[in-house]
Amino acid sequence: MEFIFDGLGRVVNGNYNFSVMSQLQQLLLGHIGYSGWATGQILNACSPLDSDQLDLDCGASHTSILGTLRHIHDGERVWLRRLEEIDNDRLPRGPAPERSFEYLVESWPVLRESYRRWLEAASDPDLNEEILTILPDDEEFRVPRLQIILHVINHTSYHRGQIVTMLRAFGVQPPDTDLTCYYSSMSKVAEG
């Protein structure tokens, strides 16, 4: 089965209405799009694996490919909630919910679409507004919303790299998820 994502849960066409967005919004949307595309590439590469392979303890920080995918997905979900719910300043404690691979594949486009909608509606003052966040260990800090988005992108990229290593251990050739590969792929889609 082939999963096709533009990173935002839409048909791959690379079109945004950039004429009404600030440069900051354009930059963040572009990188959220890249992150979603790269995650889609990883999901495609993982799809031929059976459940035993997905759940095998590979000695990684979140044990297995599936455990790492759950962690990534949950991180993106939790931080989106933090962006959307100003009064809900506490991040949850405990491990990521134990979702199936199929659930993650189906729900990731919805999550990406939610980021897109939030970013398109946000103004630059919204993006620069510092919000209080309470970490699971009860540490409090104030962070601009744009840094939350950058953290999500960076966190996801870091853990995708771990999955690439685990895929290689199974003899699976991982996809090229470099940013330039994304730009090239979007350029080809835009050309039709």
N, C-alpha and C. Protein backbone atom coordinates (compact mmCIF):
# COMPACT_ATOMS: atom_id res chain seq x y z
N MET A 1 0.85 -1.17 0.00
CA MET A 1 0.00 0.00 0.00
C MET A 1 0.89 1.24 0.00
N GLU A 2 0.59 2.20 -0.84
CA GLU A 2 1.37 3.43 -0.93
C GLU A 2 0.59 4.57 -0.28
N PHE A 3 1.24 5.28 0.65
CA PHE A 3 0.62 6.41 1.33
C PHE A 3 1.21 7.68 0.74
N ILE A 4 0.38 8.59 0.28
CA ILE A 4 0.85 9.83 -0.34
C ILE A 4 0.41 11.00 0.51
N PHE A 5 1.40 11.75 1.01
CA PHE A 5 1.14 12.91 1.85
C PHE A 5 1.83 14.12 1.24
N ASP A 6 1.23 15.28 1.38
CA ASP A 6 1.96 16.51 1.09
C ASP A 6 2.46 17.10 2.39
N GLY A 7 2.27 16.37 3.48
CA GLY A 7 2.69 16.85 4.78
C GLY A 7 1.56 17.57 5.49
N LEU A 8 0.53 17.89 4.77
CA LEU A 8 -0.59 18.60 5.36
C LEU A 8 -1.89 17.84 5.18
N GLY A 9 -1.81 16.61 4.74
CA GLY A 9 -2.99 15.78 4.60
C GLY A 9 -3.83 16.10 3.39
N ARG A 10 -3.24 16.75 2.39
CA ARG A 10 -3.98 17.11 1.18
C ARG A 10 -3.34 16.43 -0.03
N VAL A 11 -4.05 16.47 -1.13
CA VAL A 11 -3.48 15.96 -2.37
C VAL A 11 -2.22 16.76 -2.66
N VAL A 12 -1.17 16.06 -3.07
CA VAL A 12 0.09 16.74 -3.31
C VAL A 12 -0.04 17.68 -4.50
N ASN A 13 -0.03 18.97 -4.21
CA ASN A 13 -0.02 19.96 -5.28
C ASN A 13 0.89 21.13 -4.96
N GLY A 14 1.36 21.21 -3.72
CA GLY A 14 2.33 22.23 -3.35
C GLY A 14 1.79 23.64 -3.38
N ASN A 15 0.49 23.84 -3.50
CA ASN A 15 -0.07 25.19 -3.62
C ASN A 15 -0.60 25.70 -2.28
N TYR A 16 -0.14 26.87 -1.90
CA TYR A 16 -0.68 27.58 -0.75
C TYR A 16 -0.99 28.99 -1.23
N ASN A 17 -1.88 29.65 -0.55
CA ASN A 17 -2.17 31.04 -0.89
C ASN A 17 -1.19 31.94 -0.15
N PHE A 18 0.07 31.92 -0.60
CA PHE A 18 1.12 32.65 0.07
C PHE A 18 0.96 34.17 -0.03
N SER A 19 0.15 34.66 -0.95
CA SER A 19 0.04 36.10 -1.14
C SER A 19 -0.55 36.81 0.08
N VAL A 20 -1.29 36.09 0.92
CA VAL A 20 -1.90 36.73 2.08
C VAL A 20 -1.20 36.34 3.38
N MET A 21 -0.07 35.65 3.30
CA MET A 21 0.64 35.19 4.49
C MET A 21 1.94 35.96 4.68
N SER A 22 2.32 36.10 5.94
CA SER A 22 3.60 36.71 6.24
C SER A 22 4.72 35.74 5.85
N GLN A 23 5.93 36.27 5.78
CA GLN A 23 7.07 35.40 5.47
C GLN A 23 7.27 34.35 6.56
N LEU A 24 7.01 34.73 7.80
CA LEU A 24 7.14 33.77 8.90
C LEU A 24 6.14 32.63 8.74
N GLN A 25 4.89 32.94 8.42
CA GLN A 25 3.90 31.89 8.19
C GLN A 25 4.32 31.00 7.03
N GLN A 26 4.78 31.61 5.94
CA GLN A 26 5.21 30.84 4.78
C GLN A 26 6.34 29.88 5.15
N LEU A 27 7.31 30.38 5.91
CA LEU A 27 8.44 29.55 6.30
C LEU A 27 7.99 28.38 7.17
N LEU A 28 7.16 28.66 8.17
CA LEU A 28 6.70 27.60 9.06
C LEU A 28 5.82 26.60 8.33
N LEU A 29 4.93 27.08 7.47
CA LEU A 29 4.09 26.15 6.69
C LEU A 29 4.93 25.28 5.77
N GLY A 30 5.94 25.87 5.16
CA GLY A 30 6.82 25.10 4.29
C GLY A 30 7.52 23.99 5.05
N HIS A 31 7.98 24.29 6.25
CA HIS A 31 8.70 23.28 7.03
C HIS A 31 7.76 22.26 7.66
N ILE A 32 6.55 22.67 8.02
CA ILE A 32 5.56 21.68 8.47
C ILE A 32 5.21 20.76 7.30
N GLY A 33 5.09 21.33 6.10
CA GLY A 33 4.85 20.51 4.91
C GLY A 33 5.97 19.52 4.67
N TYR A 34 7.21 19.99 4.79
CA TYR A 34 8.36 19.10 4.62
C TYR A 34 8.32 17.98 5.66
N SER A 35 8.09 18.33 6.91
CA SER A 35 8.10 17.33 7.98
C SER A 35 7.03 16.26 7.73
N GLY A 36 5.86 16.69 7.32
CA GLY A 36 4.80 15.73 7.02
C GLY A 36 5.13 14.85 5.83
N TRP A 37 5.72 15.45 4.80
CA TRP A 37 6.14 14.68 3.62
C TRP A 37 7.18 13.62 4.02
N ALA A 38 8.18 14.05 4.81
CA ALA A 38 9.24 13.12 5.22
C ALA A 38 8.68 12.00 6.09
N THR A 39 7.75 12.34 6.98
CA THR A 39 7.12 11.30 7.79
C THR A 39 6.34 10.34 6.91
N GLY A 40 5.65 10.86 5.89
CA GLY A 40 4.95 10.00 4.94
C GLY A 40 5.90 9.06 4.23
N GLN A 41 7.08 9.53 3.88
CA GLN A 41 8.08 8.68 3.23
C GLN A 41 8.51 7.55 4.17
N ILE A 42 8.69 7.89 5.44
CA ILE A 42 9.08 6.88 6.43
C ILE A 42 7.95 5.87 6.62
N LEU A 43 6.71 6.35 6.70
CA LEU A 43 5.58 5.43 6.84
C LEU A 43 5.50 4.48 5.64
N ASN A 44 5.73 5.01 4.45
CA ASN A 44 5.74 4.16 3.25
C ASN A 44 6.80 3.08 3.37
N ALA A 45 7.99 3.46 3.85
CA ALA A 45 9.08 2.49 3.96
C ALA A 45 8.78 1.44 5.04
N CYS A 46 8.04 1.82 6.06
CA CYS A 46 7.71 0.89 7.15
C CYS A 46 6.53 -0.02 6.81
N SER A 47 5.72 0.36 5.86
CA SER A 47 4.48 -0.38 5.60
C SER A 47 4.68 -1.85 5.23
N PRO A 48 5.77 -2.26 4.56
CA PRO A 48 5.93 -3.70 4.28
C PRO A 48 6.32 -4.54 5.50
N LEU A 49 6.74 -3.88 6.58
CA LEU A 49 7.16 -4.63 7.76
C LEU A 49 5.95 -5.26 8.45
N ASP A 50 6.15 -6.45 9.02
CA ASP A 50 5.05 -7.06 9.77
C ASP A 50 5.04 -6.52 11.20
N SER A 51 4.02 -6.87 11.95
CA SER A 51 3.85 -6.31 13.30
C SER A 51 5.01 -6.70 14.23
N ASP A 52 5.56 -7.90 14.05
CA ASP A 52 6.70 -8.29 14.88
C ASP A 52 7.91 -7.40 14.61
N GLN A 53 8.15 -7.10 13.34
CA GLN A 53 9.27 -6.23 12.99
C GLN A 53 9.04 -4.81 13.51
N LEU A 54 7.82 -4.30 13.34
CA LEU A 54 7.51 -2.94 13.80
C LEU A 54 7.69 -2.80 15.31
N ASP A 55 7.44 -3.87 16.04
CA ASP A 55 7.46 -3.83 17.51
C ASP A 55 8.74 -4.41 18.12
N LEU A 56 9.69 -4.84 17.30
CA LEU A 56 10.92 -5.46 17.81
C LEU A 56 11.78 -4.44 18.55
N ASP A 57 12.26 -4.81 19.72
CA ASP A 57 13.15 -3.95 20.51
C ASP A 57 14.49 -3.82 19.78
N CYS A 58 14.76 -2.63 19.29
CA CYS A 58 15.99 -2.38 18.54
C CYS A 58 17.01 -1.62 19.38
N GLY A 59 16.71 -1.44 20.66
CA GLY A 59 17.64 -0.73 21.53
C GLY A 59 17.63 0.77 21.33
N ALA A 60 16.61 1.29 20.66
CA ALA A 60 16.50 2.73 20.42
C ALA A 60 15.84 3.42 21.62
N SER A 61 15.83 4.73 21.61
CA SER A 61 15.31 5.47 22.76
C SER A 61 13.83 5.18 23.03
N HIS A 62 13.09 4.81 22.01
CA HIS A 62 11.68 4.43 22.20
C HIS A 62 11.46 2.99 21.75
N THR A 63 12.48 2.19 21.94
CA THR A 63 12.52 0.75 21.78
C THR A 63 12.43 0.27 20.33
N SER A 64 11.32 0.55 19.65
CA SER A 64 11.05 -0.05 18.35
C SER A 64 10.65 1.01 17.34
N ILE A 65 10.49 0.57 16.10
CA ILE A 65 9.99 1.48 15.07
C ILE A 65 8.61 1.99 15.47
N LEU A 66 7.73 1.08 15.86
CA LEU A 66 6.38 1.50 16.23
C LEU A 66 6.40 2.40 17.47
N GLY A 67 7.21 2.06 18.45
CA GLY A 67 7.31 2.90 19.65
C GLY A 67 7.79 4.30 19.31
N THR A 68 8.73 4.40 18.39
CA THR A 68 9.25 5.70 17.98
C THR A 68 8.21 6.48 17.18
N LEU A 69 7.50 5.80 16.29
CA LEU A 69 6.42 6.47 15.56
C LEU A 69 5.34 6.98 16.51
N ARG A 70 4.99 6.17 17.51
CA ARG A 70 4.01 6.61 18.51
C ARG A 70 4.50 7.86 19.23
N HIS A 71 5.76 7.86 19.60
CA HIS A 71 6.35 9.00 20.32
C HIS A 71 6.30 10.26 19.46
N ILE A 72 6.68 10.14 18.20
CA ILE A 72 6.64 11.28 17.29
C ILE A 72 5.21 11.81 17.17
N HIS A 73 4.29 10.91 16.88
CA HIS A 73 2.89 11.30 16.68
C HIS A 73 2.32 11.96 17.93
N ASP A 74 2.60 11.36 19.09
CA ASP A 74 2.08 11.92 20.32
C ASP A 74 2.68 13.29 20.60
N GLY A 75 3.97 13.45 20.33
CA GLY A 75 4.59 14.76 20.52
C GLY A 75 3.93 15.81 19.65
N GLU A 76 3.68 15.48 18.39
CA GLU A 76 3.02 16.43 17.50
C GLU A 76 1.62 16.74 17.98
N ARG A 77 0.91 15.73 18.46
CA ARG A 77 -0.47 15.92 18.95
C ARG A 77 -0.49 16.81 20.19
N VAL A 78 0.40 16.52 21.13
CA VAL A 78 0.44 17.26 22.40
C VAL A 78 0.80 18.73 22.16
N TRP A 79 1.79 18.97 21.31
CA TRP A 79 2.21 20.35 21.08
C TRP A 79 1.15 21.11 20.29
N LEU A 80 0.44 20.45 19.39
CA LEU A 80 -0.66 21.14 18.69
C LEU A 80 -1.73 21.55 19.70
N ARG A 81 -2.05 20.64 20.60
CA ARG A 81 -3.03 20.98 21.63
C ARG A 81 -2.56 22.19 22.44
N ARG A 82 -1.26 22.25 22.72
CA ARG A 82 -0.71 23.38 23.48
C ARG A 82 -0.88 24.68 22.70
N LEU A 83 -0.69 24.64 21.39
CA LEU A 83 -0.89 25.83 20.57
C LEU A 83 -2.34 26.28 20.55
N GLU A 84 -3.25 25.31 20.47
CA GLU A 84 -4.68 25.60 20.32
C GLU A 84 -5.37 25.96 21.63
N GLU A 85 -4.96 25.35 22.72
CA GLU A 85 -5.66 25.51 24.00
C GLU A 85 -4.81 26.33 24.96
N ILE A 86 -4.96 27.63 24.91
CA ILE A 86 -4.13 28.52 25.71
C ILE A 86 -4.25 28.24 27.21
N ASP A 87 -5.43 27.88 27.67
CA ASP A 87 -5.64 27.66 29.10
C ASP A 87 -5.16 26.29 29.58
N ASN A 88 -4.80 25.42 28.67
CA ASN A 88 -4.35 24.07 29.02
C ASN A 88 -2.82 24.06 28.92
N ASP A 89 -2.15 24.58 29.98
CA ASP A 89 -0.71 24.81 29.89
C ASP A 89 0.15 23.64 30.34
N ARG A 90 -0.45 22.58 30.85
CA ARG A 90 0.32 21.43 31.34
C ARG A 90 0.43 20.35 30.26
N LEU A 91 1.67 19.93 30.00
CA LEU A 91 1.88 18.82 29.08
C LEU A 91 1.60 17.52 29.84
N PRO A 92 1.07 16.51 29.17
CA PRO A 92 0.72 15.26 29.87
C PRO A 92 1.96 14.48 30.30
N ARG A 93 1.76 13.68 31.32
CA ARG A 93 2.81 12.78 31.81
C ARG A 93 2.60 11.40 31.21
N GLY A 94 3.66 10.62 31.20
CA GLY A 94 3.53 9.23 30.79
C GLY A 94 3.86 9.00 29.33
N PRO A 95 3.89 7.73 28.96
CA PRO A 95 4.26 7.37 27.59
C PRO A 95 3.14 7.69 26.60
N ALA A 96 3.52 7.66 25.33
CA ALA A 96 2.55 7.88 24.26
C ALA A 96 1.50 6.77 24.27
N PRO A 97 0.28 7.10 23.88
CA PRO A 97 -0.75 6.05 23.77
C PRO A 97 -0.29 4.95 22.81
N GLU A 98 -0.66 3.71 23.09
CA GLU A 98 -0.24 2.58 22.28
C GLU A 98 -1.17 2.41 21.08
N ARG A 99 -0.95 3.22 20.07
CA ARG A 99 -1.75 3.19 18.84
C ARG A 99 -1.13 2.21 17.86
N SER A 100 -1.97 1.68 16.98
CA SER A 100 -1.48 0.77 15.94
C SER A 100 -0.81 1.56 14.82
N PHE A 101 -0.01 0.86 14.05
CA PHE A 101 0.63 1.48 12.88
C PHE A 101 -0.45 2.04 11.95
N GLU A 102 -1.51 1.28 11.73
CA GLU A 102 -2.59 1.71 10.83
C GLU A 102 -3.26 2.98 11.35
N TYR A 103 -3.45 3.07 12.66
CA TYR A 103 -4.03 4.28 13.25
C TYR A 103 -3.13 5.48 12.96
N LEU A 104 -1.83 5.31 13.16
CA LEU A 104 -0.90 6.42 12.94
C LEU A 104 -0.94 6.87 11.48
N VAL A 105 -0.94 5.92 10.56
CA VAL A 105 -0.98 6.24 9.13
C VAL A 105 -2.25 7.03 8.80
N GLU A 106 -3.37 6.59 9.36
CA GLU A 106 -4.65 7.25 9.06
C GLU A 106 -4.80 8.61 9.74
N SER A 107 -4.24 8.75 10.92
CA SER A 107 -4.47 9.98 11.68
C SER A 107 -3.44 11.08 11.41
N TRP A 108 -2.28 10.73 10.87
CA TRP A 108 -1.25 11.75 10.65
C TRP A 108 -1.72 12.85 9.70
N PRO A 109 -2.39 12.54 8.60
CA PRO A 109 -2.86 13.63 7.73
C PRO A 109 -3.82 14.59 8.44
N VAL A 110 -4.64 14.09 9.33
CA VAL A 110 -5.56 14.95 10.08
C VAL A 110 -4.77 15.88 11.00
N LEU A 111 -3.76 15.33 11.64
CA LEU A 111 -2.89 16.12 12.51
C LEU A 111 -2.20 17.22 11.71
N ARG A 112 -1.66 16.86 10.56
CA ARG A 112 -0.98 17.85 9.71
C ARG A 112 -1.94 18.93 9.22
N GLU A 113 -3.13 18.53 8.86
CA GLU A 113 -4.13 19.51 8.42
C GLU A 113 -4.45 20.47 9.56
N SER A 114 -4.47 19.99 10.79
CA SER A 114 -4.73 20.85 11.95
C SER A 114 -3.61 21.87 12.13
N TYR A 115 -2.36 21.44 11.95
CA TYR A 115 -1.24 22.39 12.01
C TYR A 115 -1.39 23.44 10.90
N ARG A 116 -1.72 22.99 9.70
CA ARG A 116 -1.87 23.93 8.58
C ARG A 116 -2.93 24.97 8.88
N ARG A 117 -4.10 24.51 9.33
CA ARG A 117 -5.19 25.44 9.63
C ARG A 117 -4.79 26.42 10.73
N TRP A 118 -4.12 25.91 11.77
CA TRP A 118 -3.70 26.78 12.86
C TRP A 118 -2.73 27.83 12.35
N LEU A 119 -1.74 27.39 11.56
CA LEU A 119 -0.74 28.33 11.05
C LEU A 119 -1.36 29.36 10.10
N GLU A 120 -2.26 28.94 9.24
CA GLU A 120 -2.87 29.88 8.31
C GLU A 120 -3.70 30.93 9.03
N ALA A 121 -4.27 30.58 10.17
CA ALA A 121 -5.10 31.52 10.93
C ALA A 121 -4.27 32.40 11.87
N ALA A 122 -3.05 32.00 12.16
CA ALA A 122 -2.23 32.73 13.13
C ALA A 122 -1.63 33.99 12.50
N SER A 123 -1.59 35.04 13.28
CA SER A 123 -0.91 36.26 12.86
C SER A 123 0.54 36.21 13.37
N ASP A 124 1.38 37.10 12.89
CA ASP A 124 2.74 37.14 13.42
C ASP A 124 2.75 37.41 14.93
N PRO A 125 1.91 38.32 15.44
CA PRO A 125 1.86 38.47 16.91
C PRO A 125 1.46 37.17 17.62
N ASP A 126 0.54 36.39 17.03
CA ASP A 126 0.18 35.09 17.62
C ASP A 126 1.40 34.18 17.67
N LEU A 127 2.15 34.15 16.59
CA LEU A 127 3.32 33.27 16.50
C LEU A 127 4.42 33.68 17.46
N ASN A 128 4.53 34.98 17.71
CA ASN A 128 5.58 35.50 18.60
C ASN A 128 5.15 35.57 20.06
N GLU A 129 3.88 35.34 20.34
CA GLU A 129 3.39 35.40 21.72
C GLU A 129 4.01 34.29 22.56
N GLU A 130 4.54 34.67 23.71
CA GLU A 130 5.09 33.68 24.63
C GLU A 130 3.96 33.11 25.46
N ILE A 131 3.93 31.79 25.56
CA ILE A 131 2.90 31.15 26.38
C ILE A 131 3.58 30.30 27.44
N LEU A 132 2.95 30.25 28.60
CA LEU A 132 3.44 29.44 29.69
C LEU A 132 3.18 27.98 29.38
N THR A 133 4.17 27.15 29.63
CA THR A 133 4.03 25.71 29.44
C THR A 133 4.61 25.02 30.66
N ILE A 134 3.89 24.04 31.18
CA ILE A 134 4.37 23.25 32.32
C ILE A 134 4.72 21.86 31.80
N LEU A 135 5.99 21.52 31.92
CA LEU A 135 6.48 20.23 31.45
C LEU A 135 6.03 19.11 32.39
N PRO A 136 6.12 17.85 31.94
CA PRO A 136 5.71 16.73 32.78
C PRO A 136 6.43 16.67 34.14
N ASP A 137 7.65 17.21 34.22
CA ASP A 137 8.39 17.22 35.50
C ASP A 137 8.07 18.44 36.34
N ASP A 138 7.02 19.19 35.95
CA ASP A 138 6.52 20.38 36.65
C ASP A 138 7.38 21.62 36.43
N GLU A 139 8.40 21.55 35.60
CA GLU A 139 9.16 22.75 35.27
C GLU A 139 8.28 23.66 34.41
N GLU A 140 8.30 24.95 34.73
CA GLU A 140 7.52 25.93 33.97
C GLU A 140 8.47 26.75 33.11
N PHE A 141 8.03 27.03 31.89
CA PHE A 141 8.79 27.96 31.07
C PHE A 141 7.86 28.66 30.10
N ARG A 142 8.31 29.82 29.64
CA ARG A 142 7.55 30.59 28.67
C ARG A 142 8.27 30.45 27.33
N VAL A 143 7.50 30.23 26.29
CA VAL A 143 8.09 29.99 24.98
C VAL A 143 7.19 30.61 23.91
N PRO A 144 7.78 31.28 22.92
CA PRO A 144 6.96 31.78 21.80
C PRO A 144 6.38 30.60 21.01
N ARG A 145 5.18 30.77 20.53
CA ARG A 145 4.53 29.70 19.78
C ARG A 145 5.36 29.26 18.58
N LEU A 146 6.02 30.19 17.91
CA LEU A 146 6.81 29.79 16.74
C LEU A 146 7.91 28.82 17.14
N GLN A 147 8.45 28.95 18.35
CA GLN A 147 9.48 28.01 18.81
C GLN A 147 8.88 26.63 19.10
N ILE A 148 7.62 26.58 19.47
CA ILE A 148 6.96 25.28 19.64
C ILE A 148 6.91 24.57 18.29
N ILE A 149 6.54 25.31 17.25
CA ILE A 149 6.45 24.71 15.92
C ILE A 149 7.83 24.24 15.46
N LEU A 150 8.85 25.06 15.67
CA LEU A 150 10.21 24.67 15.30
C LEU A 150 10.65 23.44 16.09
N HIS A 151 10.29 23.39 17.37
CA HIS A 151 10.62 22.21 18.19
C HIS A 151 9.97 20.96 17.62
N VAL A 152 8.69 21.05 17.25
CA VAL A 152 7.97 19.90 16.69
C VAL A 152 8.68 19.39 15.44
N ILE A 153 9.06 20.30 14.56
CA ILE A 153 9.74 19.92 13.32
C ILE A 153 11.08 19.25 13.63
N ASN A 154 11.85 19.84 14.52
CA ASN A 154 13.16 19.31 14.87
C ASN A 154 13.04 17.96 15.58
N HIS A 155 12.12 17.87 16.53
CA HIS A 155 11.91 16.63 17.28
C HIS A 155 11.54 15.48 16.35
N THR A 156 10.64 15.76 15.42
CA THR A 156 10.21 14.74 14.46
C THR A 156 11.37 14.32 13.57
N SER A 157 12.16 15.28 13.09
CA SER A 157 13.32 14.94 12.23
C SER A 157 14.32 14.07 12.98
N TYR A 158 14.58 14.41 14.22
CA TYR A 158 15.53 13.65 15.04
C TYR A 158 15.10 12.18 15.14
N HIS A 159 13.83 11.97 15.47
CA HIS A 159 13.37 10.59 15.65
C HIS A 159 13.16 9.86 14.32
N ARG A 160 12.86 10.57 13.25
CA ARG A 160 12.82 9.90 11.93
C ARG A 160 14.18 9.32 11.61
N GLY A 161 15.24 10.05 11.98
CA GLY A 161 16.59 9.54 11.77
C GLY A 161 16.84 8.23 12.49
N GLN A 162 16.29 8.10 13.70
CA GLN A 162 16.42 6.85 14.43
C GLN A 162 15.69 5.72 13.69
N ILE A 163 14.54 6.03 13.13
CA ILE A 163 13.78 5.01 12.39
C ILE A 163 14.56 4.58 11.15
N VAL A 164 15.23 5.51 10.49
CA VAL A 164 16.05 5.17 9.32
C VAL A 164 17.09 4.12 9.71
N THR A 165 17.73 4.30 10.85
CA THR A 165 18.73 3.34 11.32
C THR A 165 18.09 1.98 11.58
N MET A 166 16.91 1.97 12.19
CA MET A 166 16.23 0.70 12.47
C MET A 166 15.81 0.01 11.17
N LEU A 167 15.35 0.79 10.17
CA LEU A 167 14.99 0.21 8.88
C LEU A 167 16.19 -0.48 8.25
N ARG A 168 17.34 0.17 8.31
CA ARG A 168 18.55 -0.43 7.74
C ARG A 168 18.88 -1.76 8.40
N ALA A 169 18.63 -1.86 9.71
CA ALA A 169 18.89 -3.11 10.42
C ALA A 169 18.00 -4.24 9.90
N PHE A 170 16.85 -3.89 9.34
CA PHE A 170 15.95 -4.89 8.75
C PHE A 170 16.24 -5.12 7.27
N GLY A 171 17.28 -4.48 6.75
CA GLY A 171 17.61 -4.62 5.35
C GLY A 171 16.72 -3.80 4.43
N VAL A 172 16.00 -2.85 4.97
CA VAL A 172 15.11 -1.99 4.18
C VAL A 172 15.89 -0.74 3.78
N GLN A 173 15.89 -0.42 2.50
CA GLN A 173 16.52 0.80 2.03
C GLN A 173 15.63 1.98 2.43
N PRO A 174 16.11 2.85 3.34
CA PRO A 174 15.26 3.96 3.77
C PRO A 174 15.12 5.00 2.67
N PRO A 175 14.04 5.75 2.71
CA PRO A 175 13.85 6.79 1.71
C PRO A 175 14.76 7.98 1.99
N ASP A 176 15.00 8.76 0.97
CA ASP A 176 15.75 10.00 1.13
C ASP A 176 14.77 11.05 1.62
N THR A 177 14.94 11.50 2.84
CA THR A 177 14.02 12.49 3.42
C THR A 177 14.70 13.84 3.61
N ASP A 178 15.76 14.08 2.85
CA ASP A 178 16.46 15.35 2.93
C ASP A 178 15.56 16.48 2.44
N LEU A 179 15.74 17.66 2.98
CA LEU A 179 14.92 18.81 2.61
C LEU A 179 15.01 19.11 1.11
N THR A 180 16.20 18.97 0.53
CA THR A 180 16.32 19.23 -0.91
C THR A 180 15.53 18.22 -1.73
N CYS A 181 15.42 17.00 -1.24
CA CYS A 181 14.61 15.99 -1.93
C CYS A 181 13.13 16.40 -1.90
N TYR A 182 12.69 16.95 -0.78
CA TYR A 182 11.31 17.46 -0.67
C TYR A 182 11.09 18.60 -1.67
N TYR A 183 12.02 19.55 -1.70
CA TYR A 183 11.87 20.67 -2.65
C TYR A 183 11.80 20.15 -4.08
N SER A 184 12.65 19.19 -4.41
CA SER A 184 12.66 18.62 -5.75
C SER A 184 11.33 17.95 -6.05
N SER A 185 10.82 17.18 -5.09
CA SER A 185 9.56 16.47 -5.30
C SER A 185 8.39 17.44 -5.45
N MET A 186 8.38 18.52 -4.67
CA MET A 186 7.31 19.53 -4.78
C MET A 186 7.41 20.28 -6.11
N SER A 187 8.62 20.50 -6.56
CA SER A 187 8.84 21.17 -7.83
C SER A 187 8.28 20.32 -8.98
N LYS A 188 8.51 19.01 -8.93
CA LYS A 188 8.01 18.10 -9.96
C LYS A 188 6.48 18.06 -9.95
N VAL A 189 5.89 18.08 -8.75
CA VAL A 189 4.44 18.05 -8.64
C VAL A 189 3.85 19.34 -9.21
N ALA A 190 4.47 20.48 -8.90
CA ALA A 190 3.97 21.77 -9.39
C ALA A 190 4.06 21.86 -10.91
N GLU A 191 5.08 21.20 -11.49
CA GLU A 191 5.22 21.21 -12.95
C GLU A 191 4.18 20.33 -13.63
N GLY A 192 3.57 19.45 -12.84
CA GLY A 192 2.52 18.59 -13.36
C GLY A 192 3.04 17.36 -13.94
